[in-house]
C-alpha atoms as a PDB file:
ATOM      1  CA  MET A   1     -68.805   3.153 -23.504  1.00  0.00           C
ATOM      2  CA  LEU A   2     -68.804   4.961 -26.711  1.00  0.00           C
ATOM      3  CA  PRO A   3     -71.853   6.574 -27.989  1.00  0.00           C
ATOM      4  CA  GLU A   4     -74.204   4.002 -30.297  1.00  0.00           C
ATOM      5  CA  PRO A   5     -74.839   6.081 -33.440  1.00  0.00           C
ATOM      6  CA  LYS A   6     -78.307   5.759 -35.424  1.00  0.00           C
ATOM      7  CA  GLY A   7     -79.829   5.169 -38.312  1.00  0.00           C
ATOM      8  CA  TRP A   8     -77.194   6.488 -41.114  1.00  0.00           C
ATOM      9  CA  ARG A   9     -74.488   7.391 -39.238  1.00  0.00           C
ATOM     10  CA  ILE A  10     -70.833   6.203 -38.773  1.00  0.00           C
ATOM     11  CA  LEU A  11     -68.919   6.755 -35.406  1.00  0.00           C
ATOM     12  CA  ILE A  12     -65.121   7.604 -36.193  1.00  0.00           C
ATOM     13  CA  LYS A  13     -61.785   7.686 -33.833  1.00  0.00           C
ATOM     14  CA  LYS A  14     -59.893  10.562 -35.402  1.00  0.00           C
ATOM     15  CA  GLU A  15     -56.492  10.165 -35.992  1.00  0.00           C
ATOM     16  CA  LYS A  16     -53.924  12.419 -33.605  1.00  0.00           C
ATOM     17  CA  ALA A  17     -51.678  15.015 -34.557  1.00  0.00           C
ATOM     18  CA  LYS A  18     -48.131  13.282 -34.789  1.00  0.00           C
ATOM     19  CA  GLU A  19     -45.883  14.306 -32.097  1.00  0.00           C
ATOM     20  CA  VAL A  20     -42.749  13.743 -33.592  1.00  0.00           C
ATOM     21  CA  SER A  21     -41.908  14.044 -37.370  1.00  0.00           C
ATOM     22  CA  LYS A  22     -40.806  11.649 -39.366  1.00  0.00           C
ATOM     23  CA  GLY A  23     -36.732  13.230 -38.831  1.00  0.00           C
ATOM     24  CA  GLY A  24     -37.405  12.988 -35.390  1.00  0.00           C
ATOM     25  CA  ILE A  25     -38.332  16.682 -34.617  1.00  0.00           C
ATOM     26  CA  ILE A  26     -40.433  16.771 -31.575  1.00  0.00           C
ATOM     27  CA  LEU A  27     -43.628  19.078 -33.119  1.00  0.00           C
ATOM     28  CA  SER A  28     -44.575  22.295 -31.395  1.00  0.00           C
ATOM     29  CA  ASP A  29     -48.502  22.795 -30.928  1.00  0.00           C
ATOM     30  CA  VAL A  30     -48.806  24.867 -33.197  1.00  0.00           C
ATOM     31  CA  SER A  31     -47.646  22.587 -35.895  1.00  0.00           C
ATOM     32  CA  LYS A  32     -49.895  19.671 -34.161  1.00  0.00           C
ATOM     33  CA  ASP A  33     -52.547  21.705 -34.463  1.00  0.00           C
ATOM     34  CA  ALA A  34     -52.329  22.437 -38.021  1.00  0.00           C
ATOM     35  CA  GLU A  35     -52.151  18.838 -38.944  1.00  0.00           C
ATOM     36  CA  ASN A  36     -54.777  17.990 -36.828  1.00  0.00           C
ATOM     37  CA  TYR A  37     -56.776  20.688 -38.337  1.00  0.00           C
ATOM     38  CA  LEU A  38     -55.859  19.637 -41.786  1.00  0.00           C
ATOM     39  CA  SER A  39     -56.060  15.314 -41.592  1.00  0.00           C
ATOM     40  CA  ILE A  40     -59.845  14.503 -41.695  1.00  0.00           C
ATOM     41  CA  THR A  41     -58.921  10.749 -41.528  1.00  0.00           C
ATOM     42  CA  GLY A  42     -60.161   8.283 -38.768  1.00  0.00           C
ATOM     43  CA  THR A  43     -61.254   4.169 -37.863  1.00  0.00           C
ATOM     44  CA  VAL A  44     -64.407   3.548 -38.279  1.00  0.00           C
ATOM     45  CA  VAL A  45     -65.432   2.238 -34.344  1.00  0.00           C
ATOM     46  CA  LYS A  46     -69.884   2.241 -35.121  1.00  0.00           C
ATOM     47  CA  ILE A  47     -71.977   1.802 -38.154  1.00  0.00           C
ATOM     48  CA  GLY A  48     -75.340   2.611 -37.463  1.00  0.00           C
ATOM     49  CA  PRO A  49     -78.107  -0.073 -38.902  1.00  0.00           C
ATOM     50  CA  MET A  50     -79.238   1.528 -41.698  1.00  0.00           C
ATOM     51  CA  CYS A  51     -76.309   2.349 -43.196  1.00  0.00           C
ATOM     52  CA  TRP A  52     -76.086   2.199 -47.055  1.00  0.00           C
ATOM     53  CA  HIS A  53     -79.707   2.023 -46.397  1.00  0.00           C
ATOM     54  CA  ASP A  54     -82.238   3.795 -48.882  1.00  0.00           C
ATOM     55  CA  ARG A  55     -83.779   6.525 -46.358  1.00  0.00           C
ATOM     56  CA  ASP A  56     -87.362   6.121 -48.377  1.00  0.00           C
ATOM     57  CA  THR A  57     -87.574   2.199 -48.823  1.00  0.00           C
ATOM     58  CA  GLY A  58     -85.401   0.786 -46.391  1.00  0.00           C
ATOM     59  CA  GLN A  59     -83.701  -1.334 -49.435  1.00  0.00           C
ATOM     60  CA  PRO A  60     -79.866  -1.798 -49.255  1.00  0.00           C
ATOM     61  CA  TRP A  61     -77.903   0.495 -52.090  1.00  0.00           C
ATOM     62  CA  GLN A  62     -77.210  -1.288 -54.864  1.00  0.00           C
ATOM     63  CA  GLY A  63     -73.221  -0.867 -54.490  1.00  0.00           C
ATOM     64  CA  GLY A  64     -73.105  -2.300 -50.788  1.00  0.00           C
ATOM     65  CA  PRO A  65     -71.200  -1.234 -47.870  1.00  0.00           C
ATOM     66  CA  TRP A  66     -68.746   1.750 -48.413  1.00  0.00           C
ATOM     67  CA  CYS A  67     -66.531   0.678 -45.519  1.00  0.00           C
ATOM     68  CA  LYS A  68     -66.701  -1.612 -42.074  1.00  0.00           C
ATOM     69  CA  VAL A  69     -65.193  -1.237 -38.879  1.00  0.00           C
ATOM     70  CA  GLY A  70     -61.486  -1.135 -38.542  1.00  0.00           C
ATOM     71  CA  ASP A  71     -61.062   1.253 -42.000  1.00  0.00           C
ATOM     72  CA  LYS A  72     -59.501   3.911 -42.614  1.00  0.00           C
ATOM     73  CA  ILE A  73     -61.340   6.499 -44.317  1.00  0.00           C
ATOM     74  CA  ILE A  74     -60.749  10.092 -45.400  1.00  0.00           C
ATOM     75  CA  VAL A  75     -63.824  12.404 -44.375  1.00  0.00           C
ATOM     76  CA  PRO A  76     -65.433  16.096 -45.210  1.00  0.00           C
ATOM     77  CA  LYS A  77     -64.297  18.899 -43.218  1.00  0.00           C
ATOM     78  CA  PHE A  78     -66.852  20.226 -41.627  1.00  0.00           C
ATOM     79  CA  THR A  79     -69.822  17.965 -42.086  1.00  0.00           C
ATOM     80  CA  HIS A  80     -69.522  15.748 -38.761  1.00  0.00           C
ATOM     81  CA  PHE A  81     -70.510  15.737 -35.151  1.00  0.00           C
ATOM     82  CA  ARG A  82     -67.275  16.283 -32.759  1.00  0.00           C
ATOM     83  CA  MET A  83     -67.130  15.172 -29.578  1.00  0.00           C
ATOM     84  CA  GLU A  84     -63.667  14.129 -27.119  1.00  0.00           C
ATOM     85  CA  ILE A  85     -64.091  11.577 -24.985  1.00  0.00           C
ATOM     86  CA  GLU A  86     -61.354  10.662 -22.414  1.00  0.00           C
ATOM     87  CA  ASP A  87     -59.020  12.682 -24.656  1.00  0.00           C
ATOM     88  CA  THR A  88     -59.709  11.339 -27.763  1.00  0.00           C
ATOM     89  CA  GLU A  89     -61.865  12.553 -30.780  1.00  0.00           C
ATOM     90  CA  TYR A  90     -64.871  11.247 -32.312  1.00  0.00           C
ATOM     91  CA  ARG A  91     -67.078  12.034 -35.151  1.00  0.00           C
ATOM     92  CA  ILE A  92     -70.004  11.140 -35.920  1.00  0.00           C
ATOM     93  CA  ILE A  93     -70.610  11.371 -39.877  1.00  0.00           C
ATOM     94  CA  ASN A  94     -73.596  10.130 -42.204  1.00  0.00           C
ATOM     95  CA  ASP A  95     -73.084   7.387 -44.164  1.00  0.00           C
ATOM     96  CA  ASP A  96     -72.843   8.915 -47.602  1.00  0.00           C
ATOM     97  CA  GLU A  97     -70.153  11.173 -46.346  1.00  0.00           C
ATOM     98  CA  VAL A  98     -67.165   8.331 -46.411  1.00  0.00           C
ATOM     99  CA  ILE A  99     -65.163   9.747 -49.414  1.00  0.00           C
ATOM    100  CA  ALA A 100     -62.323   6.778 -49.650  1.00  0.00           C
ATOM    101  CA  VAL A 101     -61.031   3.846 -47.600  1.00  0.00           C
ATOM    102  CA  VAL A 102     -57.162   3.676 -47.581  1.00  0.00           C
ATOM    103  CA  ASP A 103     -54.288   1.465 -46.210  1.00  0.00           C
ATOM    104  CA  PRO A 104     -53.773   2.208 -42.560  1.00  0.00           C
ATOM    105  CA  ASN A 105     -50.462   2.452 -43.001  1.00  0.00           C
ATOM    106  CA  LEU A 106     -50.525   5.336 -45.326  1.00  0.00           C
ATOM    107  CA  GLU A 107     -49.715   8.944 -43.581  1.00  0.00           C
ATOM    108  CA  ILE A 108     -52.625  11.572 -44.856  1.00  0.00           C
ATOM    109  CA  LYS A 109     -52.895  15.290 -44.809  1.00  0.00           C
ATOM    110  CA  VAL A 110     -55.898  16.581 -46.539  1.00  0.00           C
ATOM    111  CA  TYR A 111     -55.301  20.113 -47.734  1.00  0.00           C
ATOM    112  CA  SER A 112     -58.599  22.281 -49.069  1.00  0.00           C
END
């Protein structure tokens, strides 16, 4: 059972680093660790009940939700709570930390 995000928080499942390159080369642990560190994308698993609502008034944001369960998103590198459950990394972020929603088939590396 996964944690239930509260308030304006979102639970995402972080993508795992690739084991094999596009050319079929098995990647070393160092390469996988570097990719895992640089790739800050994940799939939205659960959304808190107050996401995309004004913190003071409780009214929904005019722009509506920025993403939905199942979306692949990009998030900031250092602004989330990290945890591992059964060998899978999850993160809890605030609703306003979603940078972008991207095509689920797109392979992305984020550099900063």
